[in-house]
Amino acid sequence: MAESGYTGGHLENPTYKQVSQGFTGHAEAVRITYNPKQVNYEKLLDYFWHHIDPTVKDQQFCDVGNQYRSAIFYQDETQKKAAETSKAALERSGKFAKIYTEIVPASRFYLAEEYHQDYYKKNPIRYKYYRNGCGRDARVSKVWGTAH
C-alpha cells in the first residue's frame, strides 16, 4: 500500500500548502506498507532509484525546493544498511557524477490530504498532463536508459 504524505520536517500536522511553500522542512513522501514475503526491501529500493532523478539536489523534475528532495527514510538499521549499500553500488557504477539522494532516519509521517491520495487515479488527465509537461518520463529514460 502506498500513502502520500510529508516527513522529515519540524512542523506538526502540515498541510500541502504549507509543505509546498518550502518552510516546514518536510519532504513530500510516500509511505510504503509491504509484505516482505511478496517483495523484499532491496527490490523496493531498486524500484525507487529507477523512478527518480538522483542527480539533482532539492528537485524532482519540474518540482523545485527542499520539499522535493529525494530521500530514503529508513525504519531500522537493516533498512539503513540496505539503502546505503544500494546507493554505494550506484556511486561505484560510475553512471552518475554525484547522487544527492539522502538516506535518513524516518521521523513522523503525516498523511497528505485525501485529494492527494491516489491522485493519478482520481485525476488521470491532469496527472498525465503534469507528468508529460514536466518531462518526467523523458528524464527518467535519459537518466536510467529505460522508459518507466
C-alpha atoms as a PDB file:
ATOM      1  CA  MET A   1       0.000   0.000   0.000  1.00  0.00           C
ATOM      2  CA  ALA A   2       1.261   3.475  -0.839  1.00  0.00           C
ATOM      3  CA  GLU A   3       0.202   6.596   1.032  1.00  0.00           C
ATOM      4  CA  SER A   4       1.123  10.145   0.101  1.00  0.00           C
ATOM      5  CA  GLY A   5       2.320  12.451   2.823  1.00  0.00           C
ATOM      6  CA  TYR A   6       5.041  14.542   4.379  1.00  0.00           C
ATOM      7  CA  THR A   7       8.013  13.734   6.612  1.00  0.00           C
ATOM      8  CA  GLY A   8      11.412  14.924   7.681  1.00  0.00           C
ATOM      9  CA  GLY A   9      10.440  18.373   8.911  1.00  0.00           C
ATOM     10  CA  HIS A  10       9.641  20.306  12.027  1.00  0.00           C
ATOM     11  CA  LEU A  11       6.007  21.426  11.668  1.00  0.00           C
ATOM     12  CA  GLU A  12       3.326  19.199  13.204  1.00  0.00           C
ATOM     13  CA  ASN A  13       0.317  18.316  11.050  1.00  0.00           C
ATOM     14  CA  PRO A  14       1.480  20.186   7.946  1.00  0.00           C
ATOM     15  CA  THR A  15      -0.817  20.862   5.033  1.00  0.00           C
ATOM     16  CA  TYR A  16       0.055  20.556   1.362  1.00  0.00           C
ATOM     17  CA  LYS A  17       0.025  24.327   1.058  1.00  0.00           C
ATOM     18  CA  GLN A  18       2.497  24.701   3.939  1.00  0.00           C
ATOM     19  CA  VAL A  19       4.825  21.966   2.672  1.00  0.00           C
ATOM     20  CA  SER A  20       4.748  23.203  -0.921  1.00  0.00           C
ATOM     21  CA  GLN A  21       5.814  26.678   0.238  1.00  0.00           C
ATOM     22  CA  GLY A  22       9.036  25.103   1.478  1.00  0.00           C
ATOM     23  CA  PHE A  23       9.275  26.361   5.055  1.00  0.00           C
ATOM     24  CA  THR A  24       8.276  23.256   7.037  1.00  0.00           C
ATOM     25  CA  GLY A  25      11.414  21.192   6.474  1.00  0.00           C
ATOM     26  CA  HIS A  26       9.189  18.328   5.299  1.00  0.00           C
ATOM     27  CA  ALA A  27       9.630  16.465   2.058  1.00  0.00           C
ATOM     28  CA  GLU A  28       6.731  15.201   0.013  1.00  0.00           C
ATOM     29  CA  ALA A  29       6.986  11.471   0.559  1.00  0.00           C
ATOM     30  CA  VAL A  30       5.322   8.126   0.061  1.00  0.00           C
ATOM     31  CA  ARG A  31       4.892   5.611   2.861  1.00  0.00           C
ATOM     32  CA  ILE A  32       5.014   2.056   1.559  1.00  0.00           C
ATOM     33  CA  THR A  33       3.497  -0.820   3.500  1.00  0.00           C
ATOM     34  CA  TYR A  34       4.526  -4.147   2.020  1.00  0.00           C
ATOM     35  CA  ASN A  35       4.651  -7.849   2.699  1.00  0.00           C
ATOM     36  CA  PRO A  36       8.312  -8.998   2.725  1.00  0.00           C
ATOM     37  CA  LYS A  37       7.143 -12.471   1.688  1.00  0.00           C
ATOM     38  CA  GLN A  38       5.941 -10.949  -1.587  1.00  0.00           C
ATOM     39  CA  VAL A  39       8.634  -8.338  -2.253  1.00  0.00           C
ATOM     40  CA  ASN A  40      11.864  -7.610  -0.427  1.00  0.00           C
ATOM     41  CA  TYR A  41      13.193  -4.232   0.616  1.00  0.00           C
ATOM     42  CA  GLU A  42      16.042  -4.376  -1.898  1.00  0.00           C
ATOM     43  CA  LYS A  43      13.524  -4.724  -4.739  1.00  0.00           C
ATOM     44  CA  LEU A  44      11.654  -1.663  -3.438  1.00  0.00           C
ATOM     45  CA  LEU A  45      14.927   0.267  -3.339  1.00  0.00           C
ATOM     46  CA  ASP A  46      15.667  -0.701  -6.945  1.00  0.00           C
ATOM     47  CA  TYR A  47      12.205   0.444  -7.991  1.00  0.00           C
ATOM     48  CA  PHE A  48      12.672   3.725  -6.121  1.00  0.00           C
ATOM     49  CA  TRP A  49      16.014   4.511  -7.758  1.00  0.00           C
ATOM     50  CA  HIS A  50      14.708   3.812 -11.253  1.00  0.00           C
ATOM     51  CA  HIS A  51      11.783   6.201 -10.853  1.00  0.00           C
ATOM     52  CA  ILE A  52      13.608   9.313  -9.649  1.00  0.00           C
ATOM     53  CA  ASP A  53      16.455  11.526 -10.754  1.00  0.00           C
ATOM     54  CA  PRO A  54      19.097  11.146  -8.030  1.00  0.00           C
ATOM     55  CA  THR A  55      21.459  13.557  -9.792  1.00  0.00           C
ATOM     56  CA  VAL A  56      19.756  16.784  -8.728  1.00  0.00           C
ATOM     57  CA  LYS A  57      19.608  18.479  -5.340  1.00  0.00           C
ATOM     58  CA  ASP A  58      16.273  19.643  -3.970  1.00  0.00           C
ATOM     59  CA  GLN A  59      14.365  18.888  -7.142  1.00  0.00           C
ATOM     60  CA  GLN A  60      12.406  16.181  -8.880  1.00  0.00           C
ATOM     61  CA  PHE A  61      11.601  17.004 -12.459  1.00  0.00           C
ATOM     62  CA  CYS A  62       9.746  20.359 -12.533  1.00  0.00           C
ATOM     63  CA  ASP A  63       9.190  20.487  -8.769  1.00  0.00           C
ATOM     64  CA  VAL A  64      11.948  22.532  -7.150  1.00  0.00           C
ATOM     65  CA  GLY A  65      12.750  23.144  -3.499  1.00  0.00           C
ATOM     66  CA  ASN A  66      13.914  21.274  -0.425  1.00  0.00           C
ATOM     67  CA  GLN A  67      10.434  19.799  -0.078  1.00  0.00           C
ATOM     68  CA  TYR A  68      11.095  17.899  -3.327  1.00  0.00           C
ATOM     69  CA  ARG A  69      14.463  16.448  -2.299  1.00  0.00           C
ATOM     70  CA  SER A  70      14.917  12.766  -2.943  1.00  0.00           C
ATOM     71  CA  ALA A  71      15.351  10.756   0.217  1.00  0.00           C
ATOM     72  CA  ILE A  72      15.064   7.290   1.655  1.00  0.00           C
ATOM     73  CA  PHE A  73      13.630   7.424   5.164  1.00  0.00           C
ATOM     74  CA  TYR A  74      14.664   4.153   6.786  1.00  0.00           C
ATOM     75  CA  GLN A  75      12.843   2.460   9.672  1.00  0.00           C
ATOM     76  CA  ASP A  76      15.671   0.426  11.191  1.00  0.00           C
ATOM     77  CA  GLU A  77      19.357  -0.450  10.853  1.00  0.00           C
ATOM     78  CA  THR A  78      18.637  -3.235   8.362  1.00  0.00           C
ATOM     79  CA  GLN A  79      16.882  -0.801   6.025  1.00  0.00           C
ATOM     80  CA  LYS A  80      19.603   1.794   6.564  1.00  0.00           C
ATOM     81  CA  LYS A  81      22.309  -0.680   5.576  1.00  0.00           C
ATOM     82  CA  ALA A  82      20.364  -1.865   2.527  1.00  0.00           C
ATOM     83  CA  ALA A  83      19.753   1.729   1.387  1.00  0.00           C
ATOM     84  CA  GLU A  84      23.395   2.694   1.893  1.00  0.00           C
ATOM     85  CA  THR A  85      24.524  -0.434   0.038  1.00  0.00           C
ATOM     86  CA  SER A  86      22.249   0.318  -2.917  1.00  0.00           C
ATOM     87  CA  LYS A  87      23.411   3.939  -3.063  1.00  0.00           C
ATOM     88  CA  ALA A  88      27.068   2.902  -2.835  1.00  0.00           C
ATOM     89  CA  ALA A  89      26.577   0.458  -5.705  1.00  0.00           C
ATOM     90  CA  LEU A  90      25.159   3.248  -7.857  1.00  0.00           C
ATOM     91  CA  GLU A  91      28.054   5.518  -6.925  1.00  0.00           C
ATOM     92  CA  ARG A  92      30.587   2.795  -7.794  1.00  0.00           C
ATOM     93  CA  SER A  93      28.867   2.166 -11.126  1.00  0.00           C
ATOM     94  CA  GLY A  94      30.244   5.452 -12.449  1.00  0.00           C
ATOM     95  CA  LYS A  95      26.884   6.188 -14.062  1.00  0.00           C
ATOM     96  CA  PHE A  96      26.432   9.359 -12.012  1.00  0.00           C
ATOM     97  CA  ALA A  97      28.850  12.139 -11.137  1.00  0.00           C
ATOM     98  CA  LYS A  98      27.009  12.745  -7.860  1.00  0.00           C
ATOM     99  CA  ILE A  99      23.970  11.271  -6.122  1.00  0.00           C
ATOM    100  CA  TYR A 100      22.048  13.718  -3.950  1.00  0.00           C
ATOM    101  CA  THR A 101      19.503  11.290  -2.515  1.00  0.00           C
ATOM    102  CA  GLU A 102      19.588  11.420   1.282  1.00  0.00           C
ATOM    103  CA  ILE A 103      19.417   8.342   3.485  1.00  0.00           C
ATOM    104  CA  VAL A 104      17.998   9.458   6.814  1.00  0.00           C
ATOM    105  CA  PRO A 105      16.062   8.006   9.738  1.00  0.00           C
ATOM    106  CA  ALA A 106      12.309   8.072   9.379  1.00  0.00           C
ATOM    107  CA  SER A 107      10.515  10.603  11.506  1.00  0.00           C
ATOM    108  CA  ARG A 108       6.819  11.100  11.989  1.00  0.00           C
ATOM    109  CA  PHE A 109       4.868  10.683   8.772  1.00  0.00           C
ATOM    110  CA  TYR A 110       1.861  12.927   8.188  1.00  0.00           C
ATOM    111  CA  LEU A 111      -0.739  11.763   5.713  1.00  0.00           C
ATOM    112  CA  ALA A 112      -1.426  14.187   2.904  1.00  0.00           C
ATOM    113  CA  GLU A 113      -4.947  15.410   2.385  1.00  0.00           C
ATOM    114  CA  GLU A 114      -7.389  12.914   0.896  1.00  0.00           C
ATOM    115  CA  TYR A 115      -7.371  14.578  -2.527  1.00  0.00           C
ATOM    116  CA  HIS A 116      -3.639  13.726  -2.792  1.00  0.00           C
ATOM    117  CA  GLN A 117      -4.135  10.020  -2.097  1.00  0.00           C
ATOM    118  CA  ASP A 118      -4.095   8.066  -5.382  1.00  0.00           C
ATOM    119  CA  TYR A 119      -4.033  11.379  -7.223  1.00  0.00           C
ATOM    120  CA  TYR A 120      -3.083   9.720 -10.507  1.00  0.00           C
ATOM    121  CA  LYS A 121      -6.254   7.587 -10.332  1.00  0.00           C
ATOM    122  CA  LYS A 122      -8.572  10.395  -9.262  1.00  0.00           C
ATOM    123  CA  ASN A 123      -7.206  12.877 -11.822  1.00  0.00           C
ATOM    124  CA  PRO A 124      -5.781  10.796 -14.681  1.00  0.00           C
ATOM    125  CA  ILE A 125      -5.902  13.515 -17.330  1.00  0.00           C
ATOM    126  CA  ARG A 126      -4.411  16.194 -15.081  1.00  0.00           C
ATOM    127  CA  TYR A 127      -1.742  13.763 -13.824  1.00  0.00           C
ATOM    128  CA  LYS A 128      -0.797  12.720 -17.352  1.00  0.00           C
ATOM    129  CA  TYR A 129      -0.553  16.362 -18.420  1.00  0.00           C
ATOM    130  CA  TYR A 130       1.613  17.205 -15.394  1.00  0.00           C
ATOM    131  CA  ARG A 131       3.857  14.179 -15.927  1.00  0.00           C
ATOM    132  CA  ASN A 132       4.353  14.900 -19.624  1.00  0.00           C
ATOM    133  CA  GLY A 133       4.627  18.662 -19.114  1.00  0.00           C
ATOM    134  CA  CYS A 134       7.360  18.182 -16.524  1.00  0.00           C
ATOM    135  CA  GLY A 135       9.279  15.858 -18.795  1.00  0.00           C
ATOM    136  CA  ARG A 136       9.360  13.203 -16.102  1.00  0.00           C
ATOM    137  CA  ASP A 137       9.291  10.163 -18.385  1.00  0.00           C
ATOM    138  CA  ALA A 138      11.858  11.625 -20.761  1.00  0.00           C
ATOM    139  CA  ARG A 139      14.187  12.495 -17.868  1.00  0.00           C
ATOM    140  CA  VAL A 140      13.853   9.043 -16.265  1.00  0.00           C
ATOM    141  CA  SER A 141      14.669   7.493 -19.636  1.00  0.00           C
ATOM    142  CA  LYS A 142      17.697   9.741 -20.048  1.00  0.00           C
ATOM    143  CA  VAL A 143      18.979   9.091 -16.519  1.00  0.00           C
ATOM    144  CA  TRP A 144      18.371   5.341 -16.481  1.00  0.00           C
ATOM    145  CA  GLY A 145      18.356   4.497 -20.195  1.00  0.00           C
ATOM    146  CA  THR A 146      14.908   2.945 -19.969  1.00  0.00           C
ATOM    147  CA  ALA A 147      11.287   4.030 -20.145  1.00  0.00           C
ATOM    148  CA  HIS A 148       9.217   3.822 -16.956  1.00  0.00           C
END
